[in-house]
Amino acid sequence: MSSYQTRQKKLIYTIACKAQKHPTLGGGLWFHHDIRDNFYYASYLFAAAVDPAMQLPFDKEMAAAKASQVLLAVIRLQNQDPASDMYGHWPLRLDPVPQKAPLDPLPIELMGSLMAVFCRHYKHLLSKPLQTAFEEALKHVYRSRFYAKENRFSHHDAKYTAAKLIFGDMFKDEELLADGHRSLLDTLDHLRENGMSEYGGLPWFWHWVQAFTAAWELVEDADINWDLSEMLDYLWEERARYYLKGTWVGPHSRARAHDVPRDANVLFDYVQFGDFPLPEKLPRTEYAGFLFYEAAPEVRETAVGRREPVVEKRISVLNAGSPDRQTVHRYVYITERFAAGGIWERVEEFANEQHRWDVTFPLTGSDSVNQAYFFHLDPSAAAGSGRGQSGIGEVLFHRNTIISLYPIPEGADDRVIGILPKGEWLQRSQALFGRVEGVYLAVFLHRGYKLEEQEDRCVVVSEGLRNGVVVEAVSESEAGEDGVEGLEAFAEKMSGQPPVFEATADGMKASYRGDRGRDLLELTVGAGGLSQAAVNGETIAFDDYTV
């Protein structure tokens, strides 16, 4: 058995054990918050129960029966009325009564194609009633034509394209299959020309991977399969570029609770790379235990074989082809021990979910968050979530150092909030010095601050209308090269070279000797936003950024 298969078996076992413990709710289901979780968990429980080589701490026959009941309960919630505007669809949220829950366009997008994968794997082991129910449900999915949408190259469209291929192949619909192939090729061209507009967007990146891997497994046409391989090679190369031991470094176009301030959406990474411990909590199960496309050796080496620091400078074009077209620039400095960087441009993302910058640490099995960052909280954001940044703030990225200035205007909430991992921290009047997973962090603030230690993080609150923060990360080995041994010595050294924060006529400026004192970093912010970002007197340019 290969290493990836071993890791998939571990996922199936782990999730099956969690599924077996769930109490049954109304409608014969385990979850009412999202119908898809019922399908995912039941799939894992069934797979474990019918695997003759898997030893389980519960009765296999009863487990298979229970999983079958949940799967059947899910299928029965499908709208199978061809006259309905929501023909073929399922509800998403099921409370209080699943049978009366409103239909939603989301479940069919991914669950429909993954049901096809489940049937391919296990159809011969299903009871006759469940086998018939799946066959009928997939017919209704195909006939619903939910996938007949204009291709806008988002994660939704990735799933529509994959569905065209899967159901065109399944039902011998040559016209649909050809349409899906055209959409696939158009999407590849778009990505190569514009990059990922959903940069670091989880779980949506995994929806791309799941959808196209499902199509790659199911579609028999050799030419289409080749192009699906091209797509998956592109996706895994993109993933490897921003990978550090289970984490997704750099900015996120959409940050959810399982992405920020802790990387927890890790199952596809675990199966593909396997260089970090599987977490106890698995907030997004989905189908990593059933789908796999092996990344090329050089792509895997990019992800897990880092020895020397690298800088990734990439462009993403948002809203390509429209008057709202915008080019954004992503910068990440990646080492074996940490990564630092983010995105230069503030963008108003869906639900204000852009996560602009951080210092990211590998996953080690610790209960702590693994990202360090600061932000000005948007008034509409949920306090305490660690997400929901306002449009106030400008940045400078240079290797292991980040400067962020917050010219907060009169009348606005004047709090800048910081999230730091648990570790060893020393507090000074306007600075913190920490050691996290073999890395020293120097955090300088323009204003004073208060620090609160919580169960899985440290929360910093700094108040003042014109504020700023400088964060520098240095591995213990690098600090040792400079003669620094221990956190106290690091704090003493860094305290002697603090940043200079200055008020200007219409904004503020910060100057700092970054990269262990080698380079002079200067960031100036005026009333209209970023005025200048420079390193050693040279204004930052984006000439060497590539798609």
Protein backbone atom coordinates (compact mmCIF):
# COMPACT_ATOMS: atom_id res chain seq x y z
CA MET A 1 0.00 0.00 0.00
CA SER A 2 1.41 3.40 -0.95
CA SER A 3 1.92 6.17 1.61
CA TYR A 4 -0.98 8.23 0.29
CA GLN A 5 -3.30 5.20 0.49
CA THR A 6 -2.19 4.63 4.07
CA ARG A 7 -3.06 8.23 4.91
CA GLN A 8 -6.42 7.93 3.17
CA LYS A 9 -7.15 4.81 5.22
CA LYS A 10 -6.31 6.74 8.37
CA LEU A 11 -8.74 9.48 7.35
CA ILE A 12 -11.48 6.97 6.63
CA TYR A 13 -10.93 5.26 9.98
CA THR A 14 -10.76 8.53 11.94
CA ILE A 15 -13.84 10.11 10.37
CA ALA A 16 -15.80 6.85 10.51
CA CYS A 17 -15.19 6.68 14.27
CA LYS A 18 -16.42 10.25 14.64
CA ALA A 19 -19.50 9.49 12.54
CA GLN A 20 -20.37 6.40 14.57
CA LYS A 21 -20.53 8.50 17.74
CA HIS A 22 -22.91 11.13 16.38
CA PRO A 23 -26.43 11.02 17.78
CA THR A 24 -29.26 10.85 15.26
CA LEU A 25 -31.33 14.00 14.92
CA GLY A 26 -34.73 14.51 13.34
CA GLY A 27 -35.15 13.11 9.85
CA GLY A 28 -32.68 10.29 10.49
CA LEU A 29 -29.66 12.58 10.02
CA TRP A 30 -26.60 13.48 12.12
CA PHE A 31 -26.31 17.16 11.22
CA HIS A 32 -28.83 19.90 10.56
CA HIS A 33 -26.36 22.77 9.98
CA ASP A 34 -25.33 21.46 6.54
CA ILE A 35 -26.82 18.52 4.64
CA ARG A 36 -23.48 17.81 2.98
CA ASP A 37 -21.83 16.79 6.25
CA ASN A 38 -24.36 13.96 6.53
CA PHE A 39 -23.31 12.70 3.11
CA TYR A 40 -19.59 13.05 3.83
CA TYR A 41 -19.62 11.35 7.23
CA ALA A 42 -21.92 8.57 6.07
CA SER A 43 -19.62 7.94 3.09
CA TYR A 44 -16.66 7.48 5.42
CA LEU A 45 -18.56 5.25 7.82
CA PHE A 46 -19.79 3.05 4.98
CA ALA A 47 -16.30 2.84 3.45
CA ALA A 48 -14.78 1.78 6.76
CA ALA A 49 -17.52 -0.75 7.46
CA VAL A 50 -17.16 -2.56 4.11
CA ASP A 51 -13.34 -2.60 4.14
CA PRO A 52 -12.42 -6.18 5.14
CA ALA A 53 -8.91 -5.12 6.20
CA MET A 54 -10.00 -2.31 8.50
CA GLN A 55 -10.37 -3.10 12.18
CA LEU A 56 -13.05 -0.97 13.84
CA PRO A 57 -14.02 -0.54 17.51
CA PHE A 58 -17.69 -1.17 16.65
CA ASP A 59 -19.83 -3.65 14.76
CA LYS A 60 -19.23 -3.32 11.01
CA GLU A 61 -22.57 -4.67 9.86
CA MET A 62 -24.49 -2.27 12.09
CA ALA A 63 -22.25 0.60 10.98
CA ALA A 64 -22.87 -0.13 7.30
CA ALA A 65 -26.60 -0.23 7.97
CA LYS A 66 -26.48 3.06 9.86
CA ALA A 67 -24.46 4.75 7.11
CA SER A 68 -26.90 3.44 4.51
CA GLN A 69 -29.84 4.88 6.45
CA VAL A 70 -28.23 8.31 6.59
CA LEU A 71 -27.32 8.23 2.89
CA LEU A 72 -30.90 7.26 2.01
CA ALA A 73 -32.25 10.05 4.25
CA VAL A 74 -30.04 12.54 2.40
CA ILE A 75 -31.16 11.37 -1.03
CA ARG A 76 -34.83 11.53 -0.04
CA LEU A 77 -34.51 15.27 0.60
CA GLN A 78 -33.76 15.88 -3.09
CA ASN A 79 -36.44 17.75 -5.03
CA GLN A 80 -37.35 15.29 -7.79
CA ASP A 81 -40.17 17.33 -9.34
CA PRO A 82 -39.18 18.21 -12.96
CA ALA A 83 -41.65 21.12 -12.96
CA SER A 84 -39.91 22.83 -10.04
CA ASP A 85 -37.49 25.73 -10.51
CA MET A 86 -35.21 23.91 -8.03
CA TYR A 87 -35.52 20.52 -9.67
CA GLY A 88 -32.75 18.14 -8.61
CA HIS A 89 -31.66 20.31 -5.68
CA TRP A 90 -31.40 19.71 -1.94
CA PRO A 91 -31.88 21.96 1.08
CA LEU A 92 -28.70 23.14 2.81
CA ARG A 93 -29.71 24.11 6.36
CA LEU A 94 -32.14 21.57 7.78
CA ASP A 95 -33.43 23.01 11.06
CA PRO A 96 -35.97 22.64 12.44
CA VAL A 97 -37.59 20.04 10.13
CA PRO A 98 -35.42 18.71 7.27
CA GLN A 99 -38.41 17.81 5.10
CA LYS A 100 -39.58 21.44 5.21
CA ALA A 101 -36.21 23.11 4.78
CA PRO A 102 -35.87 25.51 1.81
CA LEU A 103 -33.98 24.27 -1.22
CA ASP A 104 -30.55 25.76 -1.86
CA PRO A 105 -28.30 25.91 -4.96
CA LEU A 106 -25.12 24.92 -3.09
CA PRO A 107 -25.42 21.22 -2.17
CA ILE A 108 -25.89 19.95 -5.72
CA GLU A 109 -22.73 21.76 -6.93
CA LEU A 110 -20.30 19.48 -5.17
CA MET A 111 -22.37 16.76 -3.57
CA GLY A 112 -23.88 15.77 -6.92
CA SER A 113 -20.51 14.97 -8.47
CA LEU A 114 -19.19 13.33 -5.30
CA MET A 115 -22.24 11.07 -5.23
CA ALA A 116 -21.10 9.86 -8.64
CA VAL A 117 -17.67 9.10 -7.16
CA PHE A 118 -19.23 7.22 -4.23
CA CYS A 119 -21.33 5.12 -6.60
CA ARG A 120 -18.29 4.28 -8.73
CA HIS A 121 -16.46 3.05 -5.62
CA TYR A 122 -19.25 1.27 -3.74
CA LYS A 123 -22.26 0.64 -5.96
CA HIS A 124 -21.74 -3.14 -5.87
CA LEU A 125 -21.82 -3.10 -2.05
CA LEU A 126 -24.98 -1.01 -1.61
CA SER A 127 -28.33 -2.50 -0.76
CA LYS A 128 -30.69 -2.64 -3.71
CA PRO A 129 -32.96 0.16 -2.41
CA LEU A 130 -29.98 2.44 -1.78
CA GLN A 131 -28.40 1.60 -5.12
CA THR A 132 -31.66 2.46 -6.89
CA ALA A 133 -31.99 5.68 -4.87
CA PHE A 134 -28.49 6.80 -5.91
CA GLU A 135 -29.14 5.99 -9.57
CA GLU A 136 -32.37 7.98 -9.55
CA ALA A 137 -30.80 10.90 -7.68
CA LEU A 138 -27.97 11.13 -10.21
CA LYS A 139 -30.47 11.11 -13.09
CA HIS A 140 -32.25 14.06 -11.50
CA VAL A 141 -28.94 15.87 -10.98
CA TYR A 142 -28.13 15.41 -14.67
CA ARG A 143 -31.59 16.46 -15.86
CA SER A 144 -31.66 19.52 -13.58
CA ARG A 145 -29.00 21.22 -15.74
CA PHE A 146 -27.80 23.14 -12.69
CA TYR A 147 -24.41 23.32 -14.42
CA ALA A 148 -25.72 25.32 -17.42
CA LYS A 149 -24.16 28.63 -16.38
CA GLU A 150 -21.88 31.21 -17.97
CA ASN A 151 -18.28 30.47 -17.03
CA ARG A 152 -16.97 33.21 -14.76
CA PHE A 153 -13.96 31.14 -13.64
CA SER A 154 -14.82 30.94 -9.93
CA HIS A 155 -14.97 27.88 -7.69
CA HIS A 156 -18.65 27.59 -8.59
CA ASP A 157 -17.78 27.42 -12.27
CA ALA A 158 -15.07 24.84 -11.63
CA LYS A 159 -17.77 22.61 -10.17
CA TYR A 160 -20.16 23.32 -13.05
CA THR A 161 -17.45 22.42 -15.57
CA ALA A 162 -16.58 19.19 -13.77
CA ALA A 163 -20.27 18.29 -13.55
CA LYS A 164 -20.71 18.78 -17.30
CA LEU A 165 -17.87 16.32 -17.88
CA ILE A 166 -19.01 13.80 -15.29
CA PHE A 167 -22.68 13.71 -16.26
CA GLY A 168 -22.00 14.09 -19.96
CA ASP A 169 -19.84 10.97 -19.72
CA MET A 170 -22.21 9.10 -17.40
CA PHE A 171 -25.30 9.64 -19.54
CA LYS A 172 -23.55 9.50 -22.94
CA ASP A 173 -24.49 13.10 -23.66
CA GLU A 174 -21.86 14.02 -26.24
CA GLU A 175 -23.02 17.63 -26.53
CA LEU A 176 -22.75 18.17 -22.78
CA LEU A 177 -19.39 16.42 -22.68
CA ALA A 178 -18.05 18.67 -25.44
CA ASP A 179 -19.42 21.75 -23.66
CA GLY A 180 -17.63 20.68 -20.49
CA HIS A 181 -14.40 20.14 -22.40
CA ARG A 182 -14.61 23.65 -23.87
CA SER A 183 -15.22 25.08 -20.41
CA LEU A 184 -12.24 23.16 -19.07
CA LEU A 185 -9.91 24.50 -21.77
CA ASP A 186 -11.25 28.04 -21.34
CA THR A 187 -10.63 27.81 -17.60
CA LEU A 188 -7.07 26.59 -18.09
CA ASP A 189 -6.37 29.47 -20.46
CA HIS A 190 -7.88 31.94 -18.02
CA LEU A 191 -5.79 30.68 -15.10
CA ARG A 192 -2.56 30.76 -17.06
CA GLU A 193 -3.24 34.31 -18.19
CA ASN A 194 -4.68 35.77 -14.97
CA GLY A 195 -3.63 33.55 -12.08
CA MET A 196 -5.95 32.46 -9.29
CA SER A 197 -8.38 35.27 -8.52
CA GLU A 198 -9.44 33.23 -5.47
CA TYR A 199 -5.90 33.37 -4.05
CA GLY A 200 -5.58 31.28 -0.89
CA GLY A 201 -9.37 30.93 -0.83
CA LEU A 202 -10.29 27.95 1.32
CA PRO A 203 -12.28 25.73 1.26
CA TRP A 204 -12.99 26.89 -2.28
CA PHE A 205 -9.59 25.93 -3.63
CA TRP A 206 -10.29 22.40 -2.43
CA HIS A 207 -13.60 22.52 -4.30
CA TRP A 208 -11.58 23.08 -7.46
CA VAL A 209 -9.40 20.10 -6.57
CA GLN A 210 -12.30 17.85 -5.59
CA ALA A 211 -14.39 18.66 -8.64
CA PHE A 212 -11.66 18.16 -11.21
CA THR A 213 -10.21 15.09 -9.48
CA ALA A 214 -13.69 13.55 -9.50
CA ALA A 215 -13.96 14.25 -13.23
CA TRP A 216 -10.44 12.87 -13.81
CA GLU A 217 -11.44 9.64 -12.06
CA LEU A 218 -14.76 9.23 -13.81
CA VAL A 219 -14.41 10.50 -17.38
CA GLU A 220 -13.10 7.89 -19.80
CA ASP A 221 -12.29 10.08 -22.83
CA ALA A 222 -8.47 10.10 -23.14
CA ASP A 223 -8.19 13.65 -24.52
CA ILE A 224 -10.41 15.09 -21.81
CA ASN A 225 -8.57 13.09 -19.17
CA TRP A 226 -5.28 14.55 -20.40
CA ASP A 227 -6.62 18.09 -20.09
CA LEU A 228 -7.97 17.32 -16.63
CA SER A 229 -4.44 16.24 -15.70
CA GLU A 230 -3.20 19.60 -16.96
CA MET A 231 -5.72 21.34 -14.72
CA LEU A 232 -4.81 19.28 -11.68
CA ASP A 233 -1.10 19.79 -12.30
CA TYR A 234 -1.75 23.54 -12.34
CA LEU A 235 -3.77 23.39 -9.11
CA TRP A 236 -1.21 21.32 -7.22
CA GLU A 237 1.63 23.54 -8.41
CA GLU A 238 -0.30 26.53 -7.08
CA ARG A 239 -0.86 24.71 -3.80
CA ALA A 240 2.78 23.70 -3.42
CA ARG A 241 3.95 27.27 -4.02
CA TYR A 242 2.18 28.44 -0.85
CA TYR A 243 2.63 25.32 1.25
CA LEU A 244 4.47 25.04 4.57
CA LYS A 245 3.84 21.84 6.56
CA GLY A 246 0.05 21.82 6.42
CA THR A 247 -0.42 25.57 6.17
CA TRP A 248 -1.39 27.96 3.41
CA VAL A 249 1.04 30.88 3.62
CA GLY A 250 0.43 34.37 2.33
CA PRO A 251 -2.86 36.24 1.91
CA HIS A 252 -6.31 34.70 1.67
CA SER A 253 -8.98 36.15 -0.59
CA ARG A 254 -11.55 34.63 1.74
CA ALA A 255 -10.71 33.75 5.32
CA ARG A 256 -13.01 31.50 7.30
CA ALA A 257 -12.80 30.22 10.86
CA HIS A 258 -10.96 27.05 9.80
CA ASP A 259 -8.37 29.05 7.79
CA VAL A 260 -7.56 32.03 10.06
CA PRO A 261 -6.00 32.34 12.59
CA ARG A 262 -5.30 28.61 12.44
CA ASP A 263 -4.89 26.42 9.36
CA ALA A 264 -7.36 23.60 9.94
CA ASN A 265 -8.64 22.73 6.45
CA VAL A 266 -5.81 20.28 5.91
CA LEU A 267 -7.07 16.88 4.76
CA PHE A 268 -6.07 17.08 1.09
CA ASP A 269 -2.65 18.36 2.18
CA TYR A 270 -2.36 15.51 4.64
CA VAL A 271 -3.03 12.88 1.97
CA GLN A 272 -0.79 14.52 -0.65
CA PHE A 273 2.17 15.59 1.49
CA GLY A 274 1.81 13.97 4.92
CA ASP A 275 4.59 16.00 6.58
CA PHE A 276 2.56 17.19 9.58
CA PRO A 277 0.42 15.44 12.23
CA LEU A 278 -3.26 14.88 11.48
CA PRO A 279 -5.22 17.23 13.77
CA GLU A 280 -7.79 15.90 16.20
CA LYS A 281 -10.40 18.40 14.99
CA LEU A 282 -11.45 18.06 11.35
CA PRO A 283 -13.77 20.97 10.50
CA ARG A 284 -14.02 20.19 6.76
CA THR A 285 -14.14 16.46 6.04
CA GLU A 286 -15.38 16.41 2.45
CA TYR A 287 -13.78 13.78 0.20
CA ALA A 288 -10.01 13.68 0.73
CA GLY A 289 -10.32 10.05 1.79
CA PHE A 290 -11.73 9.02 -1.61
CA LEU A 291 -10.11 11.29 -4.19
CA PHE A 292 -6.44 11.50 -5.07
CA TYR A 293 -4.35 12.88 -7.89
CA GLU A 294 -0.64 12.53 -7.30
CA ALA A 295 1.31 15.76 -7.69
CA ALA A 296 4.42 15.63 -9.84
CA PRO A 297 7.70 14.87 -8.00
CA GLU A 298 9.02 18.38 -8.59
CA VAL A 299 5.80 19.85 -7.20
CA ARG A 300 6.06 17.70 -4.08
CA GLU A 301 9.68 18.78 -3.71
CA THR A 302 8.61 22.43 -3.86
CA ALA A 303 6.15 21.78 -1.05
CA VAL A 304 8.06 19.53 1.34
CA GLY A 305 11.70 19.89 0.34
CA ARG A 306 12.34 23.52 1.27
CA ARG A 307 15.91 24.05 2.47
CA GLU A 308 16.66 27.64 1.50
CA PRO A 309 14.39 30.69 1.83
CA VAL A 310 12.41 31.62 -1.27
CA VAL A 311 10.38 34.70 -2.22
CA GLU A 312 7.15 34.27 -4.17
CA LYS A 313 6.00 37.35 -6.08
CA ARG A 314 2.78 36.66 -7.93
CA ILE A 315 0.02 38.55 -9.72
CA SER A 316 -3.68 37.79 -9.59
CA VAL A 317 -6.08 39.55 -11.94
CA LEU A 318 -9.51 40.07 -10.41
CA ASN A 319 -12.63 40.54 -12.55
CA ALA A 320 -10.69 39.95 -15.76
CA GLY A 321 -12.55 41.12 -18.84
CA SER A 322 -14.74 43.61 -16.96
CA PRO A 323 -14.48 47.35 -16.22
CA ASP A 324 -13.75 46.39 -12.59
CA ARG A 325 -10.56 44.57 -13.58
CA GLN A 326 -7.89 44.88 -10.90
CA THR A 327 -4.38 43.49 -10.64
CA VAL A 328 -3.19 42.56 -7.14
CA HIS A 329 0.30 41.62 -6.03
CA ARG A 330 1.10 38.82 -3.56
CA TYR A 331 4.41 38.63 -1.72
CA VAL A 332 5.53 35.77 0.54
CA TYR A 333 8.95 35.00 2.02
CA ILE A 334 9.06 31.28 2.89
CA THR A 335 11.61 29.44 5.03
CA GLU A 336 11.71 26.02 6.68
CA ARG A 337 10.49 27.53 9.96
CA PHE A 338 8.04 30.28 9.00
CA ALA A 339 6.62 32.36 6.18
CA ALA A 340 5.92 36.10 6.14
CA GLY A 341 3.97 38.18 3.66
CA GLY A 342 0.64 39.06 2.20
CA ILE A 343 -1.02 41.20 -0.44
CA TRP A 344 -0.17 44.81 -1.20
CA GLU A 345 -3.67 45.90 -2.21
CA ARG A 346 -6.71 46.04 0.02
CA VAL A 347 -9.65 44.48 -1.87
CA GLU A 348 -13.28 44.42 -0.77
CA GLU A 349 -13.92 40.68 -0.94
CA PHE A 350 -17.15 38.74 -0.46
CA ALA A 351 -18.39 39.21 3.12
CA ASN A 352 -15.25 41.25 3.88
CA GLU A 353 -13.18 38.07 4.20
CA GLN A 354 -9.83 39.22 2.82
CA HIS A 355 -6.97 38.24 5.13
CA ARG A 356 -4.20 40.60 4.16
CA TRP A 357 -0.98 39.46 5.83
CA ASP A 358 0.57 37.33 8.54
CA VAL A 359 3.57 35.38 9.76
CA THR A 360 2.67 31.69 9.46
CA PHE A 361 4.17 28.81 11.45
CA PRO A 362 3.99 25.10 10.51
CA LEU A 363 1.40 22.79 12.04
CA THR A 364 2.98 20.77 14.83
CA GLY A 365 0.05 19.26 16.70
CA SER A 366 -0.11 22.19 19.13
CA ASP A 367 -3.49 23.55 20.19
CA SER A 368 -2.33 27.09 19.45
CA VAL A 369 -3.21 29.21 16.45
CA ASN A 370 -0.34 29.27 13.96
CA GLN A 371 -0.61 32.78 12.47
CA ALA A 372 0.58 36.13 13.80
CA TYR A 373 -0.93 39.34 12.38
CA PHE A 374 -2.57 42.70 13.16
CA PHE A 375 -5.55 44.49 11.63
CA HIS A 376 -8.05 47.28 12.10
CA LEU A 377 -11.46 45.73 12.73
CA ASP A 378 -14.25 46.52 10.30
CA PRO A 379 -17.39 47.78 12.10
CA SER A 380 -19.46 44.98 10.53
CA ALA A 381 -17.09 42.19 11.62
CA ALA A 382 -17.65 39.91 14.59
CA ALA A 383 -15.46 40.96 17.48
CA GLY A 384 -13.20 38.17 18.71
CA SER A 385 -13.20 36.19 15.48
CA GLY A 386 -9.76 37.38 14.40
CA ARG A 387 -11.16 38.16 10.96
CA GLY A 388 -12.98 41.00 9.20
CA GLN A 389 -10.40 43.66 8.42
CA SER A 390 -11.42 47.19 7.55
CA GLY A 391 -10.04 49.13 4.60
CA ILE A 392 -7.74 51.11 6.91
CA GLY A 393 -4.11 50.07 6.68
CA GLU A 394 -1.17 50.02 4.29
CA VAL A 395 1.69 47.55 4.20
CA LEU A 396 5.31 46.94 3.30
CA PHE A 397 6.69 43.42 2.88
CA HIS A 398 10.41 42.66 2.76
CA ARG A 399 11.69 39.16 3.45
CA ASN A 400 11.14 38.41 7.16
CA THR A 401 9.72 41.83 8.04
CA ILE A 402 6.27 43.40 7.71
CA ILE A 403 5.28 47.01 8.39
CA SER A 404 1.62 47.98 8.60
CA LEU A 405 0.37 51.52 9.25
CA TYR A 406 -3.17 52.43 10.32
CA PRO A 407 -4.07 56.13 9.76
CA ILE A 408 -7.36 55.79 11.61
CA PRO A 409 -9.53 58.90 11.11
CA GLU A 410 -11.42 60.81 13.78
CA GLY A 411 -14.68 59.16 14.74
CA ALA A 412 -13.62 55.62 13.75
CA ASP A 413 -12.94 52.77 16.14
CA ASP A 414 -9.31 53.39 17.09
CA ARG A 415 -8.41 49.81 18.05
CA VAL A 416 -5.80 47.79 16.19
CA ILE A 417 -6.07 44.11 17.05
CA GLY A 418 -3.28 41.56 17.01
CA ILE A 419 -3.46 37.78 17.05
CA LEU A 420 -0.34 35.94 18.23
CA PRO A 421 0.31 32.22 18.71
CA LYS A 422 0.85 30.80 22.16
CA GLY A 423 4.50 30.73 23.09
CA GLU A 424 7.01 32.40 25.33
CA TRP A 425 6.36 36.15 25.30
CA LEU A 426 8.14 39.10 26.94
CA GLN A 427 6.22 42.36 27.22
CA ARG A 428 7.83 45.79 26.94
CA SER A 429 6.18 49.22 26.92
CA GLN A 430 5.60 49.34 23.15
CA ALA A 431 6.92 45.97 22.04
CA LEU A 432 6.55 42.23 22.49
CA PHE A 433 9.26 39.64 21.96
CA GLY A 434 8.33 36.03 21.56
CA ARG A 435 9.58 32.55 20.75
CA VAL A 436 7.21 30.31 18.78
CA GLU A 437 8.18 26.92 17.33
CA GLY A 438 11.87 27.72 17.11
CA VAL A 439 11.34 31.25 15.76
CA TYR A 440 11.83 34.59 17.50
CA LEU A 441 9.29 37.33 16.84
CA ALA A 442 9.82 41.02 17.45
CA VAL A 443 6.58 43.03 17.49
CA PHE A 444 6.84 46.82 17.76
CA LEU A 445 3.77 49.05 18.17
CA HIS A 446 3.48 52.81 17.79
CA ARG A 447 1.01 52.98 20.67
CA GLY A 448 0.72 51.13 23.92
CA TYR A 449 -1.18 47.86 24.11
CA LYS A 450 -2.92 45.34 26.30
CA LEU A 451 -2.33 41.61 25.93
CA GLU A 452 -4.81 38.90 26.90
CA GLU A 453 -3.84 35.24 26.92
CA GLN A 454 -6.68 33.03 25.70
CA GLU A 455 -6.92 29.27 25.41
CA ASP A 456 -5.38 29.01 21.95
CA ARG A 457 -3.91 32.49 21.28
CA CYS A 458 -2.72 35.80 22.62
CA VAL A 459 -4.86 38.82 21.71
CA VAL A 460 -3.30 42.29 21.56
CA VAL A 461 -5.35 45.49 21.55
CA SER A 462 -3.63 48.80 20.77
CA GLU A 463 -5.54 52.09 20.72
CA GLY A 464 -4.79 55.35 18.91
CA LEU A 465 -5.90 57.22 15.78
CA ARG A 466 -2.52 56.98 14.08
CA ASN A 467 -1.02 53.61 14.80
CA GLY A 468 1.41 51.17 13.31
CA VAL A 469 3.09 47.82 13.82
CA VAL A 470 6.35 46.25 12.71
CA VAL A 471 6.82 42.48 12.89
CA GLU A 472 10.12 40.72 12.26
CA ALA A 473 10.64 36.94 12.41
CA VAL A 474 14.07 35.36 12.94
CA SER A 475 14.74 31.65 13.36
CA GLU A 476 16.75 30.59 16.41
CA SER A 477 19.52 29.33 14.14
CA GLU A 478 19.76 32.69 12.33
CA ALA A 479 19.76 34.55 15.63
CA GLY A 480 22.55 32.27 16.82
CA GLU A 481 24.62 33.34 13.82
CA ASP A 482 24.31 36.89 15.16
CA GLY A 483 25.45 35.77 18.61
CA VAL A 484 21.97 35.81 20.12
CA GLU A 485 21.12 32.92 22.43
CA GLY A 486 17.76 32.89 24.20
CA LEU A 487 14.69 35.09 24.20
CA GLU A 488 16.03 37.60 26.71
CA ALA A 489 19.08 38.19 24.56
CA PHE A 490 16.90 38.55 21.46
CA ALA A 491 14.67 41.08 23.24
CA GLU A 492 17.70 43.07 24.40
CA LYS A 493 19.19 43.16 20.91
CA MET A 494 15.97 44.09 19.14
CA SER A 495 15.04 46.71 21.75
CA GLY A 496 18.13 48.59 20.67
CA GLN A 497 16.91 49.00 17.09
CA PRO A 498 13.20 49.91 17.27
CA PRO A 499 11.29 51.43 14.36
CA VAL A 500 10.73 55.17 14.13
CA PHE A 501 7.10 56.22 13.79
CA GLU A 502 6.48 59.83 12.70
CA ALA A 503 3.42 61.96 12.06
CA THR A 504 3.32 63.72 8.70
CA ALA A 505 1.16 66.61 7.52
CA ASP A 506 -1.58 64.31 6.26
CA GLY A 507 -0.65 60.86 7.59
CA MET A 508 2.28 59.00 9.10
CA LYS A 509 5.58 57.30 8.33
CA ALA A 510 7.53 54.34 9.72
CA SER A 511 11.22 53.58 9.25
CA TYR A 512 12.89 50.35 10.35
CA ARG A 513 16.09 48.41 9.84
CA GLY A 514 14.70 45.03 8.77
CA ASP A 515 16.11 41.65 7.80
CA ARG A 516 18.31 41.55 10.91
CA GLY A 517 19.42 45.15 10.43
CA ARG A 518 20.58 44.80 6.84
CA ASP A 519 17.96 46.89 5.03
CA LEU A 520 16.25 50.22 5.64
CA LEU A 521 12.49 49.89 5.21
CA GLU A 522 10.32 53.01 4.89
CA LEU A 523 6.54 53.20 4.60
CA THR A 524 4.65 56.47 4.25
CA VAL A 525 0.86 56.82 4.31
CA GLY A 526 -1.06 59.96 3.41
CA ALA A 527 -4.71 60.95 3.44
CA GLY A 528 -5.27 59.18 0.13
CA GLY A 529 -3.68 55.91 1.23
CA LEU A 530 -0.22 54.54 0.41
CA SER A 531 2.24 57.28 -0.53
CA GLN A 532 5.48 55.35 -0.71
CA ALA A 533 7.02 52.00 0.23
CA ALA A 534 10.78 51.77 -0.17
CA VAL A 535 13.71 49.50 0.69
CA ASN A 536 17.15 51.10 0.89
CA GLY A 537 15.81 54.20 -0.81
CA GLU A 538 14.35 52.36 -3.79
CA THR A 539 10.58 52.51 -4.22
CA ILE A 540 8.92 49.12 -4.35
CA ALA A 541 8.17 48.13 -7.94
CA PHE A 542 6.20 45.18 -9.27
CA ASP A 543 8.21 44.58 -12.44
CA ASP A 544 9.33 41.11 -11.35
CA TYR A 545 5.89 39.88 -10.27
CA THR A 546 4.51 37.13 -12.51
CA VAL A 547 1.22 35.30 -12.95
